[in-house]
Structures are given as structure tokens and as C-alpha cells.
Amino acid sequence: MHRRLAFTIGSILLLAIVGWTQDSAKQDKSFDVRSSVGDLHVGPDADAKKAGLPLYPGARPVHDENTDPLNFGILTESFGLKLVVAKYESDDAPEKVISYYRGKLKKYGKVLECHSQKQGEGVRFQSDGDQSNGKNSNDKELTCDQNSGPVTELKVGTEHNQHVVAVEPRDSKGCTFSIVYLYGRGKDDEI
């Protein structure tokens, strides 16, 4: 019964979010729902700080139809999901940005360096296992799904609590980079 109720609520929220994101008049506004059951936030207010990292000096936000920043969070007593995605550009060489974030990510644990074809390929979230004690018994360390391509991904954490910085060289000088924070908790039988 809990699973069916959560699925129904999730479906309604998903439809509301899709409708919100397609309404161009609301693109610069956030969508917030606060209730006794839980809280929901969707908005374009994502940035490096909300992902738990400083912004690379001199970096500029990148905004276009495919890379708008996203700050999504849903929190109830049974489960929670937080996703922050922001994209930036810099005139500095990719190696400088990679070196900067490798140092900043160390505070979250061992930094893994992977390579992929495009930004965002290495971010995965699987909901499995019991997290009733705040830790997932099946929470796995992050790995490289593939390890070839022009994008360097720096990853730290586990599947349920991860920070990722993906740096891609531009055709001209400099690079673009995405900063992603993903956190999830919950019990499968209640989600």
C-alpha cells in the first residue's frame, strides 16, 4: 500500500514538475511545496555553492536550453532526494580546472578520475537496500562506467551521496564544466 501511495504521489509530482519546466514564463522562478507530508523544491537556483563546492575563479555560468541549472529536492520522513546541477565555462585550460577541483573534492573522500564521451554520463543513482538507519546497506563506492573520451570526470562518494565535476575542453581555448551533487535516502519498500 505504501508503495502504491508513494508511486501515485511521485507521479503527480513528476507531472507537475514537467509542466513547470515546460512553461517558459516560469523558467526563472522556483517551485516549492511545503506540507506536513514532505517538502519539494524545483528551481534554476543551482550553483557550485549549493553543490558543496566553491566556484572556480573567473568561471561564468552557462545557460542555454540544454544546460539550465537545476536544484531539485524532495524530502519526506521515508525518503529524500537532492540533485544540484550547474554548468560553467572558463577561459583557463581544462587541466587547471581539473587540478583545482581535485583538491576541493578531497574533503569528501578519495577522488576518482574517469573519462567519458559527454558531461553527465557518469552520474548514476540506484535506489536499493534499507536506509532506515541513515546509511544504505548496499551503498557502493563510485566507479568509472567507461574510461575513454574527452571529458574528465572527478567523482567522490557513494552512489547515494556523490559529488561529480565533469570538465570538457572547448574547441577554442578554455573549457566547460558541470558540477553535480546527488544525495538520496529511503527504504525501497516505501518508495
N, C-alpha and C. Protein backbone atom coordinates (compact mmCIF):
# COMPACT_ATOMS: atom_id res chain seq x y z
N MET A 1 0.81 -1.19 0.00
CA MET A 1 0.00 0.00 0.00
C MET A 1 0.87 1.26 0.00
N HIS A 2 1.91 1.27 0.83
CA HIS A 2 2.80 2.43 0.88
C HIS A 2 3.44 2.66 -0.48
N ARG A 3 3.83 1.57 -1.12
CA ARG A 3 4.48 1.68 -2.42
C ARG A 3 3.54 2.31 -3.44
N ARG A 4 2.28 1.89 -3.46
CA ARG A 4 1.30 2.43 -4.41
C ARG A 4 1.03 3.91 -4.12
N LEU A 5 0.90 4.27 -2.85
CA LEU A 5 0.67 5.67 -2.48
C LEU A 5 1.87 6.53 -2.88
N ALA A 6 3.07 6.05 -2.59
CA ALA A 6 4.28 6.80 -2.95
C ALA A 6 4.39 6.93 -4.47
N PHE A 7 4.06 5.87 -5.19
CA PHE A 7 4.12 5.92 -6.66
C PHE A 7 3.12 6.95 -7.19
N THR A 8 1.91 6.98 -6.64
CA THR A 8 0.90 7.94 -7.07
C THR A 8 1.34 9.37 -6.79
N ILE A 9 1.83 9.62 -5.58
CA ILE A 9 2.30 10.95 -5.22
C ILE A 9 3.48 11.34 -6.11
N GLY A 10 4.40 10.41 -6.31
CA GLY A 10 5.55 10.67 -7.17
C GLY A 10 5.15 10.99 -8.59
N SER A 11 4.16 10.27 -9.12
CA SER A 11 3.69 10.53 -10.48
C SER A 11 3.07 11.92 -10.60
N ILE A 12 2.27 12.29 -9.62
CA ILE A 12 1.66 13.62 -9.63
C ILE A 12 2.74 14.70 -9.56
N LEU A 13 3.71 14.51 -8.68
CA LEU A 13 4.79 15.49 -8.58
C LEU A 13 5.60 15.57 -9.87
N LEU A 14 5.86 14.42 -10.48
CA LEU A 14 6.61 14.41 -11.74
C LEU A 14 5.86 15.16 -12.82
N LEU A 15 4.56 14.96 -12.94
CA LEU A 15 3.77 15.69 -13.92
C LEU A 15 3.77 17.18 -13.64
N ALA A 16 3.70 17.55 -12.37
CA ALA A 16 3.75 18.97 -12.03
C ALA A 16 5.09 19.58 -12.39
N ILE A 17 6.16 18.83 -12.14
CA ILE A 17 7.50 19.33 -12.46
C ILE A 17 7.67 19.48 -13.96
N VAL A 18 7.24 18.48 -14.72
CA VAL A 18 7.35 18.55 -16.19
C VAL A 18 6.57 19.75 -16.71
N GLY A 19 5.38 19.95 -16.22
CA GLY A 19 4.58 21.11 -16.62
C GLY A 19 5.26 22.41 -16.26
N TRP A 20 5.85 22.46 -15.08
CA TRP A 20 6.54 23.66 -14.64
C TRP A 20 7.74 23.96 -15.53
N THR A 21 8.53 22.93 -15.84
CA THR A 21 9.73 23.17 -16.64
C THR A 21 9.41 23.54 -18.07
N GLN A 22 8.24 23.16 -18.59
CA GLN A 22 7.88 23.48 -19.96
C GLN A 22 7.23 24.85 -20.10
N ASP A 23 6.86 25.46 -19.01
CA ASP A 23 6.24 26.78 -19.05
C ASP A 23 7.33 27.83 -19.05
N SER A 24 7.62 28.40 -20.21
CA SER A 24 8.74 29.32 -20.35
C SER A 24 8.59 30.57 -19.49
N ALA A 25 7.40 30.93 -19.13
CA ALA A 25 7.20 32.13 -18.31
C ALA A 25 7.72 31.91 -16.89
N LYS A 26 7.87 30.66 -16.48
CA LYS A 26 8.31 30.36 -15.11
C LYS A 26 9.77 29.92 -15.05
N GLN A 27 10.52 30.02 -16.12
CA GLN A 27 11.88 29.50 -16.16
C GLN A 27 12.79 30.10 -15.10
N ASP A 28 12.56 31.33 -14.69
CA ASP A 28 13.43 31.95 -13.70
C ASP A 28 12.87 31.87 -12.29
N LYS A 29 11.82 31.10 -12.10
CA LYS A 29 11.19 31.00 -10.79
C LYS A 29 11.32 29.60 -10.24
N SER A 30 11.25 29.51 -8.94
CA SER A 30 11.30 28.22 -8.26
C SER A 30 9.89 27.73 -7.98
N PHE A 31 9.78 26.43 -7.83
CA PHE A 31 8.51 25.78 -7.49
C PHE A 31 8.73 25.12 -6.14
N ASP A 32 7.98 25.54 -5.14
CA ASP A 32 8.13 25.00 -3.79
C ASP A 32 6.79 24.53 -3.25
N VAL A 33 6.82 23.35 -2.64
CA VAL A 33 5.64 22.82 -1.94
C VAL A 33 6.12 22.40 -0.57
N ARG A 34 5.48 22.90 0.44
CA ARG A 34 5.79 22.53 1.82
C ARG A 34 4.51 21.99 2.45
N SER A 35 4.61 20.82 3.05
CA SER A 35 3.43 20.23 3.67
C SER A 35 3.87 19.38 4.86
N SER A 36 2.90 18.87 5.59
CA SER A 36 3.21 18.01 6.72
C SER A 36 3.73 16.65 6.27
N VAL A 37 3.47 16.28 5.01
CA VAL A 37 3.93 15.01 4.46
C VAL A 37 5.38 15.12 3.99
N GLY A 38 5.75 16.27 3.44
CA GLY A 38 7.10 16.45 2.94
C GLY A 38 7.25 17.77 2.21
N ASP A 39 8.46 18.02 1.74
CA ASP A 39 8.78 19.25 1.03
C ASP A 39 9.32 18.93 -0.36
N LEU A 40 9.04 19.84 -1.30
CA LEU A 40 9.52 19.71 -2.66
C LEU A 40 10.04 21.06 -3.12
N HIS A 41 11.20 21.06 -3.76
CA HIS A 41 11.75 22.29 -4.34
C HIS A 41 12.29 21.96 -5.72
N VAL A 42 11.93 22.75 -6.71
CA VAL A 42 12.49 22.66 -8.05
C VAL A 42 12.77 24.09 -8.48
N GLY A 43 13.98 24.33 -8.94
CA GLY A 43 14.29 25.69 -9.37
C GLY A 43 15.59 25.78 -10.12
N PRO A 44 15.77 26.90 -10.79
CA PRO A 44 17.01 27.14 -11.53
C PRO A 44 18.07 27.81 -10.67
N ASP A 45 17.95 27.70 -9.35
CA ASP A 45 18.85 28.39 -8.43
C ASP A 45 20.06 27.55 -8.03
N ALA A 46 20.45 26.60 -8.87
CA ALA A 46 21.61 25.77 -8.58
C ALA A 46 22.89 26.54 -8.85
N ASP A 47 23.88 26.29 -8.01
CA ASP A 47 25.20 26.86 -8.24
C ASP A 47 26.22 25.97 -7.53
N ALA A 48 27.49 26.28 -7.72
CA ALA A 48 28.55 25.47 -7.13
C ALA A 48 28.41 25.39 -5.61
N LYS A 49 28.07 26.49 -4.98
CA LYS A 49 27.96 26.53 -3.51
C LYS A 49 26.88 25.56 -3.02
N LYS A 50 25.73 25.53 -3.71
CA LYS A 50 24.66 24.61 -3.31
C LYS A 50 25.05 23.15 -3.53
N ALA A 51 26.06 22.92 -4.37
CA ALA A 51 26.59 21.58 -4.59
C ALA A 51 27.73 21.27 -3.62
N GLY A 52 28.04 22.20 -2.73
CA GLY A 52 29.06 21.96 -1.72
C GLY A 52 30.48 22.25 -2.16
N LEU A 53 30.64 23.01 -3.24
CA LEU A 53 31.97 23.32 -3.76
C LEU A 53 32.09 24.80 -4.06
N PRO A 54 33.31 25.33 -4.01
CA PRO A 54 33.49 26.73 -4.42
C PRO A 54 33.49 26.82 -5.94
N LEU A 55 33.20 27.99 -6.45
CA LEU A 55 33.23 28.21 -7.89
C LEU A 55 34.67 28.49 -8.32
N TYR A 56 35.09 27.87 -9.39
CA TYR A 56 36.42 28.10 -9.94
C TYR A 56 36.58 29.60 -10.23
N PRO A 57 37.69 30.21 -9.82
CA PRO A 57 37.87 31.65 -10.02
C PRO A 57 37.74 32.06 -11.49
N GLY A 58 36.90 33.04 -11.74
CA GLY A 58 36.70 33.57 -13.08
C GLY A 58 35.72 32.78 -13.93
N ALA A 59 35.16 31.69 -13.41
CA ALA A 59 34.19 30.90 -14.19
C ALA A 59 32.89 31.65 -14.34
N ARG A 60 32.22 31.40 -15.46
CA ARG A 60 30.93 32.05 -15.77
C ARG A 60 29.86 30.98 -15.97
N PRO A 61 28.64 31.24 -15.50
CA PRO A 61 27.56 30.27 -15.72
C PRO A 61 27.24 30.13 -17.21
N VAL A 62 26.87 28.93 -17.60
CA VAL A 62 26.43 28.65 -18.96
C VAL A 62 24.93 28.40 -18.90
N HIS A 63 24.17 29.17 -19.65
CA HIS A 63 22.72 29.00 -19.70
C HIS A 63 22.30 28.85 -21.16
N ASP A 64 21.70 27.73 -21.47
CA ASP A 64 21.04 27.55 -22.76
C ASP A 64 19.95 26.51 -22.57
N GLU A 65 19.24 26.17 -23.61
CA GLU A 65 18.07 25.30 -23.45
C GLU A 65 18.42 23.92 -22.91
N ASN A 66 19.66 23.46 -23.08
CA ASN A 66 20.04 22.13 -22.62
C ASN A 66 20.81 22.13 -21.31
N THR A 67 21.22 23.28 -20.81
CA THR A 67 22.09 23.30 -19.64
C THR A 67 21.64 24.25 -18.55
N ASP A 68 20.36 24.54 -18.46
CA ASP A 68 19.90 25.39 -17.37
C ASP A 68 20.23 24.72 -16.03
N PRO A 69 20.63 25.50 -15.04
CA PRO A 69 20.92 24.92 -13.73
C PRO A 69 19.65 24.32 -13.12
N LEU A 70 19.84 23.28 -12.33
CA LEU A 70 18.70 22.60 -11.70
C LEU A 70 19.02 22.36 -10.24
N ASN A 71 18.10 22.76 -9.39
CA ASN A 71 18.16 22.48 -7.97
C ASN A 71 16.85 21.77 -7.63
N PHE A 72 16.92 20.46 -7.40
CA PHE A 72 15.73 19.65 -7.15
C PHE A 72 15.89 18.97 -5.80
N GLY A 73 14.87 19.04 -5.00
CA GLY A 73 14.90 18.34 -3.73
C GLY A 73 13.51 17.91 -3.31
N ILE A 74 13.41 16.68 -2.82
CA ILE A 74 12.16 16.19 -2.25
C ILE A 74 12.53 15.48 -0.95
N LEU A 75 11.83 15.80 0.11
CA LEU A 75 12.15 15.27 1.41
C LEU A 75 10.88 14.90 2.15
N THR A 76 10.79 13.65 2.56
CA THR A 76 9.70 13.18 3.41
C THR A 76 10.34 12.39 4.55
N GLU A 77 9.52 11.89 5.46
CA GLU A 77 10.06 11.07 6.54
C GLU A 77 10.65 9.78 6.00
N SER A 78 10.08 9.24 4.93
CA SER A 78 10.50 7.95 4.40
C SER A 78 11.66 8.03 3.43
N PHE A 79 11.74 9.09 2.66
CA PHE A 79 12.80 9.17 1.66
C PHE A 79 13.14 10.61 1.33
N GLY A 80 14.27 10.77 0.67
CA GLY A 80 14.68 12.09 0.23
C GLY A 80 15.58 11.98 -0.98
N LEU A 81 15.56 13.01 -1.80
CA LEU A 81 16.42 13.07 -2.98
C LEU A 81 16.80 14.52 -3.20
N LYS A 82 18.07 14.76 -3.38
CA LYS A 82 18.59 16.11 -3.64
C LYS A 82 19.49 16.01 -4.86
N LEU A 83 19.23 16.87 -5.85
CA LEU A 83 20.04 16.92 -7.06
C LEU A 83 20.32 18.38 -7.39
N VAL A 84 21.60 18.71 -7.50
CA VAL A 84 22.03 20.06 -7.89
C VAL A 84 22.94 19.91 -9.10
N VAL A 85 22.61 20.61 -10.19
CA VAL A 85 23.40 20.56 -11.41
C VAL A 85 23.60 21.98 -11.91
N ALA A 86 24.86 22.37 -12.11
CA ALA A 86 25.17 23.69 -12.65
C ALA A 86 26.32 23.56 -13.64
N LYS A 87 26.27 24.35 -14.71
CA LYS A 87 27.30 24.28 -15.74
C LYS A 87 27.97 25.64 -15.88
N TYR A 88 29.30 25.61 -16.06
CA TYR A 88 30.10 26.82 -16.15
C TYR A 88 31.08 26.72 -17.31
N GLU A 89 31.68 27.87 -17.63
CA GLU A 89 32.76 27.90 -18.61
C GLU A 89 33.90 28.72 -18.05
N SER A 90 35.11 28.41 -18.53
CA SER A 90 36.30 29.13 -18.11
C SER A 90 37.22 29.25 -19.31
N ASP A 91 37.98 30.34 -19.34
CA ASP A 91 38.99 30.52 -20.39
C ASP A 91 40.29 29.80 -20.05
N ASP A 92 40.38 29.26 -18.84
CA ASP A 92 41.58 28.52 -18.43
C ASP A 92 41.58 27.13 -19.05
N ALA A 93 42.76 26.55 -19.12
CA ALA A 93 42.93 25.20 -19.66
C ALA A 93 42.20 24.19 -18.78
N PRO A 94 41.67 23.13 -19.38
CA PRO A 94 40.97 22.10 -18.59
C PRO A 94 41.81 21.56 -17.45
N GLU A 95 43.10 21.40 -17.66
CA GLU A 95 43.98 20.84 -16.62
C GLU A 95 43.98 21.69 -15.36
N LYS A 96 43.90 23.01 -15.50
CA LYS A 96 43.88 23.90 -14.34
C LYS A 96 42.58 23.72 -13.54
N VAL A 97 41.46 23.61 -14.24
CA VAL A 97 40.16 23.42 -13.59
C VAL A 97 40.13 22.06 -12.90
N ILE A 98 40.64 21.03 -13.58
CA ILE A 98 40.69 19.68 -13.01
C ILE A 98 41.53 19.66 -11.74
N SER A 99 42.69 20.29 -11.79
CA SER A 99 43.58 20.33 -10.62
C SER A 99 42.91 21.06 -9.45
N TYR A 100 42.24 22.17 -9.75
CA TYR A 100 41.55 22.95 -8.71
C TYR A 100 40.49 22.09 -8.02
N TYR A 101 39.63 21.43 -8.81
CA TYR A 101 38.55 20.66 -8.20
C TYR A 101 39.01 19.35 -7.59
N ARG A 102 40.10 18.78 -8.09
CA ARG A 102 40.64 17.58 -7.45
C ARG A 102 40.98 17.91 -5.99
N GLY A 103 41.59 19.07 -5.77
CA GLY A 103 41.92 19.48 -4.41
C GLY A 103 40.69 19.78 -3.57
N LYS A 104 39.69 20.42 -4.15
CA LYS A 104 38.48 20.79 -3.39
C LYS A 104 37.63 19.58 -3.05
N LEU A 105 37.61 18.57 -3.93
CA LEU A 105 36.79 17.38 -3.70
C LEU A 105 37.36 16.46 -2.62
N LYS A 106 38.64 16.58 -2.31
CA LYS A 106 39.28 15.70 -1.33
C LYS A 106 38.60 15.73 0.03
N LYS A 107 37.95 16.85 0.35
CA LYS A 107 37.30 16.92 1.67
C LYS A 107 36.14 15.92 1.78
N TYR A 108 35.65 15.39 0.65
CA TYR A 108 34.56 14.42 0.65
C TYR A 108 35.05 12.98 0.57
N GLY A 109 36.36 12.77 0.40
CA GLY A 109 36.89 11.42 0.33
C GLY A 109 37.86 11.24 -0.82
N LYS A 110 38.09 9.99 -1.17
CA LYS A 110 39.01 9.64 -2.25
C LYS A 110 38.42 10.07 -3.59
N VAL A 111 39.21 10.81 -4.37
CA VAL A 111 38.75 11.33 -5.67
C VAL A 111 39.11 10.33 -6.76
N LEU A 112 38.10 9.95 -7.52
CA LEU A 112 38.25 9.03 -8.63
C LEU A 112 38.24 9.83 -9.93
N GLU A 113 39.17 9.56 -10.83
CA GLU A 113 39.20 10.25 -12.12
C GLU A 113 38.77 9.29 -13.22
N CYS A 114 37.73 9.67 -13.95
CA CYS A 114 37.20 8.87 -15.04
C CYS A 114 37.18 9.71 -16.31
N HIS A 115 36.94 9.07 -17.43
CA HIS A 115 36.82 9.77 -18.71
C HIS A 115 35.58 9.26 -19.42
N SER A 116 34.83 10.18 -20.04
CA SER A 116 33.60 9.81 -20.74
C SER A 116 33.46 10.62 -22.01
N GLN A 117 32.46 10.30 -22.80
CA GLN A 117 32.23 10.98 -24.07
C GLN A 117 31.55 12.33 -23.90
N LYS A 118 30.65 12.45 -22.89
CA LYS A 118 29.98 13.73 -22.67
C LYS A 118 29.71 13.92 -21.18
N GLN A 119 29.51 15.18 -20.80
CA GLN A 119 29.28 15.51 -19.41
C GLN A 119 27.98 14.88 -18.92
N GLY A 120 28.02 14.34 -17.71
CA GLY A 120 26.83 13.79 -17.09
C GLY A 120 26.65 12.30 -17.27
N GLU A 121 27.46 11.66 -18.11
CA GLU A 121 27.31 10.22 -18.33
C GLU A 121 27.64 9.40 -17.09
N GLY A 122 28.51 9.90 -16.24
CA GLY A 122 28.97 9.12 -15.10
C GLY A 122 28.15 9.28 -13.83
N VAL A 123 27.07 10.04 -13.88
CA VAL A 123 26.25 10.24 -12.68
C VAL A 123 25.10 9.25 -12.71
N ARG A 124 25.09 8.33 -11.75
CA ARG A 124 24.04 7.32 -11.67
C ARG A 124 23.56 7.23 -10.23
N PHE A 125 22.27 6.92 -10.08
CA PHE A 125 21.69 6.75 -8.76
C PHE A 125 20.82 5.52 -8.79
N GLN A 126 21.07 4.59 -7.88
CA GLN A 126 20.24 3.41 -7.78
C GLN A 126 19.65 3.36 -6.40
N SER A 127 18.35 3.13 -6.34
CA SER A 127 17.68 3.02 -5.06
C SER A 127 17.54 1.55 -4.72
N ASP A 128 18.37 1.08 -3.80
CA ASP A 128 18.24 -0.29 -3.35
C ASP A 128 18.77 -0.40 -1.93
N GLY A 129 18.22 -1.32 -1.21
CA GLY A 129 18.66 -1.55 0.16
C GLY A 129 17.90 -0.72 1.17
N ASP A 130 18.10 -1.07 2.42
CA ASP A 130 17.43 -0.42 3.55
C ASP A 130 18.30 0.73 4.05
N GLN A 131 17.71 1.92 4.10
CA GLN A 131 18.43 3.07 4.62
C GLN A 131 17.75 3.62 5.87
N SER A 132 17.06 2.78 6.59
CA SER A 132 16.31 3.26 7.74
C SER A 132 17.22 3.83 8.83
N ASN A 133 18.47 3.41 8.84
CA ASN A 133 19.40 3.93 9.84
C ASN A 133 20.21 5.11 9.30
N GLY A 134 19.83 5.64 8.11
CA GLY A 134 20.54 6.76 7.53
C GLY A 134 21.66 6.34 6.60
N LYS A 135 22.00 5.05 6.61
CA LYS A 135 23.03 4.53 5.70
C LYS A 135 22.42 3.39 4.91
N ASN A 136 22.76 3.30 3.67
CA ASN A 136 22.27 2.23 2.82
C ASN A 136 23.22 1.05 2.95
N SER A 137 22.67 -0.11 3.27
CA SER A 137 23.49 -1.29 3.43
C SER A 137 24.11 -1.72 2.11
N ASN A 138 23.54 -1.32 0.98
CA ASN A 138 24.07 -1.67 -0.33
C ASN A 138 24.71 -0.47 -1.03
N ASP A 139 24.97 0.60 -0.32
CA ASP A 139 25.55 1.80 -0.93
C ASP A 139 26.96 1.50 -1.37
N LYS A 140 27.22 1.64 -2.65
CA LYS A 140 28.51 1.27 -3.22
C LYS A 140 29.35 2.50 -3.53
N GLU A 141 30.66 2.31 -3.44
CA GLU A 141 31.59 3.36 -3.85
C GLU A 141 31.40 3.62 -5.34
N LEU A 142 31.68 4.83 -5.76
CA LEU A 142 31.56 5.17 -7.17
C LEU A 142 32.65 4.48 -7.98
N THR A 143 32.34 4.18 -9.23
CA THR A 143 33.29 3.57 -10.14
C THR A 143 33.22 4.28 -11.48
N CYS A 144 34.17 3.98 -12.35
CA CYS A 144 34.14 4.51 -13.71
C CYS A 144 33.34 3.55 -14.57
N ASP A 145 32.25 4.04 -15.17
CA ASP A 145 31.44 3.20 -16.05
C ASP A 145 32.17 2.91 -17.34
N GLN A 146 32.83 3.90 -17.85
CA GLN A 146 33.71 3.76 -19.00
C GLN A 146 34.93 4.61 -18.69
N ASN A 147 35.96 4.47 -19.47
CA ASN A 147 37.13 5.27 -19.17
C ASN A 147 37.84 5.73 -20.43
N SER A 148 37.04 6.27 -21.36
CA SER A 148 37.63 6.86 -22.56
C SER A 148 36.73 7.99 -23.02
N GLY A 149 37.36 9.02 -23.55
CA GLY A 149 36.61 10.16 -24.04
C GLY A 149 37.27 11.46 -23.62
N PRO A 150 36.81 12.56 -24.18
CA PRO A 150 37.43 13.86 -23.93
C PRO A 150 37.05 14.51 -22.59
N VAL A 151 36.01 14.01 -21.95
CA VAL A 151 35.53 14.62 -20.70
C VAL A 151 36.21 13.93 -19.51
N THR A 152 36.81 14.74 -18.64
CA THR A 152 37.39 14.21 -17.40
C THR A 152 36.38 14.40 -16.29
N GLU A 153 36.02 13.30 -15.63
CA GLU A 153 35.08 13.34 -14.51
C GLU A 153 35.81 13.04 -13.22
N LEU A 154 35.70 13.95 -12.28
CA LEU A 154 36.21 13.73 -10.95
C LEU A 154 35.02 13.37 -10.07
N LYS A 155 35.08 12.20 -9.43
CA LYS A 155 33.96 11.70 -8.63
C LYS A 155 34.44 11.40 -7.22
N VAL A 156 33.55 11.63 -6.27
CA VAL A 156 33.85 11.26 -4.89
C VAL A 156 32.55 10.89 -4.20
N GLY A 157 32.62 9.87 -3.34
CA GLY A 157 31.45 9.48 -2.57
C GLY A 157 30.94 8.11 -2.94
N THR A 158 29.64 7.94 -2.71
CA THR A 158 28.97 6.67 -2.99
C THR A 158 27.81 6.93 -3.94
N GLU A 159 27.15 5.86 -4.36
CA GLU A 159 26.03 6.01 -5.28
C GLU A 159 24.91 6.87 -4.70
N HIS A 160 24.78 6.91 -3.38
CA HIS A 160 23.71 7.65 -2.73
C HIS A 160 24.13 9.01 -2.17
N ASN A 161 25.40 9.33 -2.30
CA ASN A 161 25.91 10.61 -1.81
C ASN A 161 27.16 10.95 -2.61
N GLN A 162 26.98 11.64 -3.73
CA GLN A 162 28.11 11.85 -4.63
C GLN A 162 28.26 13.30 -5.08
N HIS A 163 29.51 13.65 -5.30
CA HIS A 163 29.89 14.92 -5.90
C HIS A 163 30.66 14.59 -7.18
N VAL A 164 30.30 15.24 -8.28
CA VAL A 164 30.96 14.99 -9.56
C VAL A 164 31.26 16.32 -10.22
N VAL A 165 32.47 16.47 -10.74
CA VAL A 165 32.84 17.61 -11.57
C VAL A 165 33.31 17.04 -12.90
N ALA A 166 32.64 17.42 -13.98
CA ALA A 166 32.97 16.93 -15.33
C ALA A 166 33.50 18.09 -16.15
N VAL A 167 34.72 17.97 -16.64
CA VAL A 167 35.40 19.05 -17.36
C VAL A 167 35.61 18.63 -18.81
N GLU A 168 35.17 19.50 -19.72
CA GLU A 168 35.28 19.20 -21.15
C GLU A 168 36.00 20.35 -21.87
N PRO A 169 37.04 20.02 -22.66
CA PRO A 169 37.73 21.08 -23.40
C PRO A 169 36.80 21.67 -24.46
N ARG A 170 36.94 22.97 -24.72
CA ARG A 170 36.19 23.62 -25.80
C ARG A 170 37.03 23.56 -27.07
N ASP A 171 36.37 23.74 -28.21
CA ASP A 171 37.10 23.76 -29.49
C ASP A 171 38.11 24.89 -29.50
N SER A 172 37.70 26.03 -28.98
CA SER A 172 38.65 27.14 -28.83
C SER A 172 39.34 26.96 -27.49
N LYS A 173 39.94 28.00 -26.96
CA LYS A 173 40.62 27.86 -25.67
C LYS A 173 39.61 27.71 -24.53
N GLY A 174 40.07 27.14 -23.45
CA GLY A 174 39.25 27.02 -22.27
C GLY A 174 38.46 25.73 -22.20
N CYS A 175 37.44 25.73 -21.34
CA CYS A 175 36.66 24.52 -21.11
C CYS A 175 35.28 24.88 -20.56
N THR A 176 34.40 23.89 -20.59
CA THR A 176 33.14 23.97 -19.87
C THR A 176 33.21 22.89 -18.79
N PHE A 177 32.48 23.10 -17.71
CA PHE A 177 32.46 22.08 -16.67
C PHE A 177 31.12 22.10 -15.94
N SER A 178 30.70 20.91 -15.55
CA SER A 178 29.47 20.72 -14.79
C SER A 178 29.81 20.30 -13.38
N ILE A 179 29.04 20.82 -12.44
CA ILE A 179 29.18 20.44 -11.05
C ILE A 179 27.86 19.79 -10.64
N VAL A 180 27.94 18.57 -10.12
CA VAL A 180 26.75 17.81 -9.76
C VAL A 180 26.87 17.32 -8.33
N TYR A 181 25.78 17.48 -7.58
CA TYR A 181 25.67 16.88 -6.25
C TYR A 181 24.40 16.07 -6.24
N LEU A 182 24.50 14.80 -5.82
CA LEU A 182 23.35 13.91 -5.77
C LEU A 182 23.36 13.19 -4.44
N TYR A 183 22.22 13.29 -3.73
CA TYR A 183 22.07 12.62 -2.44
C TYR A 183 20.70 11.98 -2.40
N GLY A 184 20.63 10.74 -1.94
CA GLY A 184 19.35 10.07 -1.80
C GLY A 184 19.34 9.17 -0.58
N ARG A 185 18.16 9.07 0.00
CA ARG A 185 17.98 8.16 1.13
C ARG A 185 16.55 7.65 1.10
N GLY A 186 16.34 6.47 1.70
CA GLY A 186 14.98 5.93 1.76
C GLY A 186 15.00 4.43 1.87
N LYS A 187 13.82 3.89 2.04
CA LYS A 187 13.63 2.44 2.07
C LYS A 187 12.89 2.06 0.81
N ASP A 188 13.40 1.06 0.09
CA ASP A 188 12.78 0.66 -1.16
C ASP A 188 11.31 0.29 -1.00
N ASP A 189 10.98 -0.38 0.09
CA ASP A 189 9.61 -0.80 0.24
C ASP A 189 8.65 0.37 0.49
N GLU A 190 9.21 1.57 0.72
CA GLU A 190 8.36 2.73 0.93
C GLU A 190 8.43 3.74 -0.21
N ILE A 191 9.33 3.52 -1.16
CA ILE A 191 9.46 4.45 -2.28
C ILE A 191 8.69 3.91 -3.46
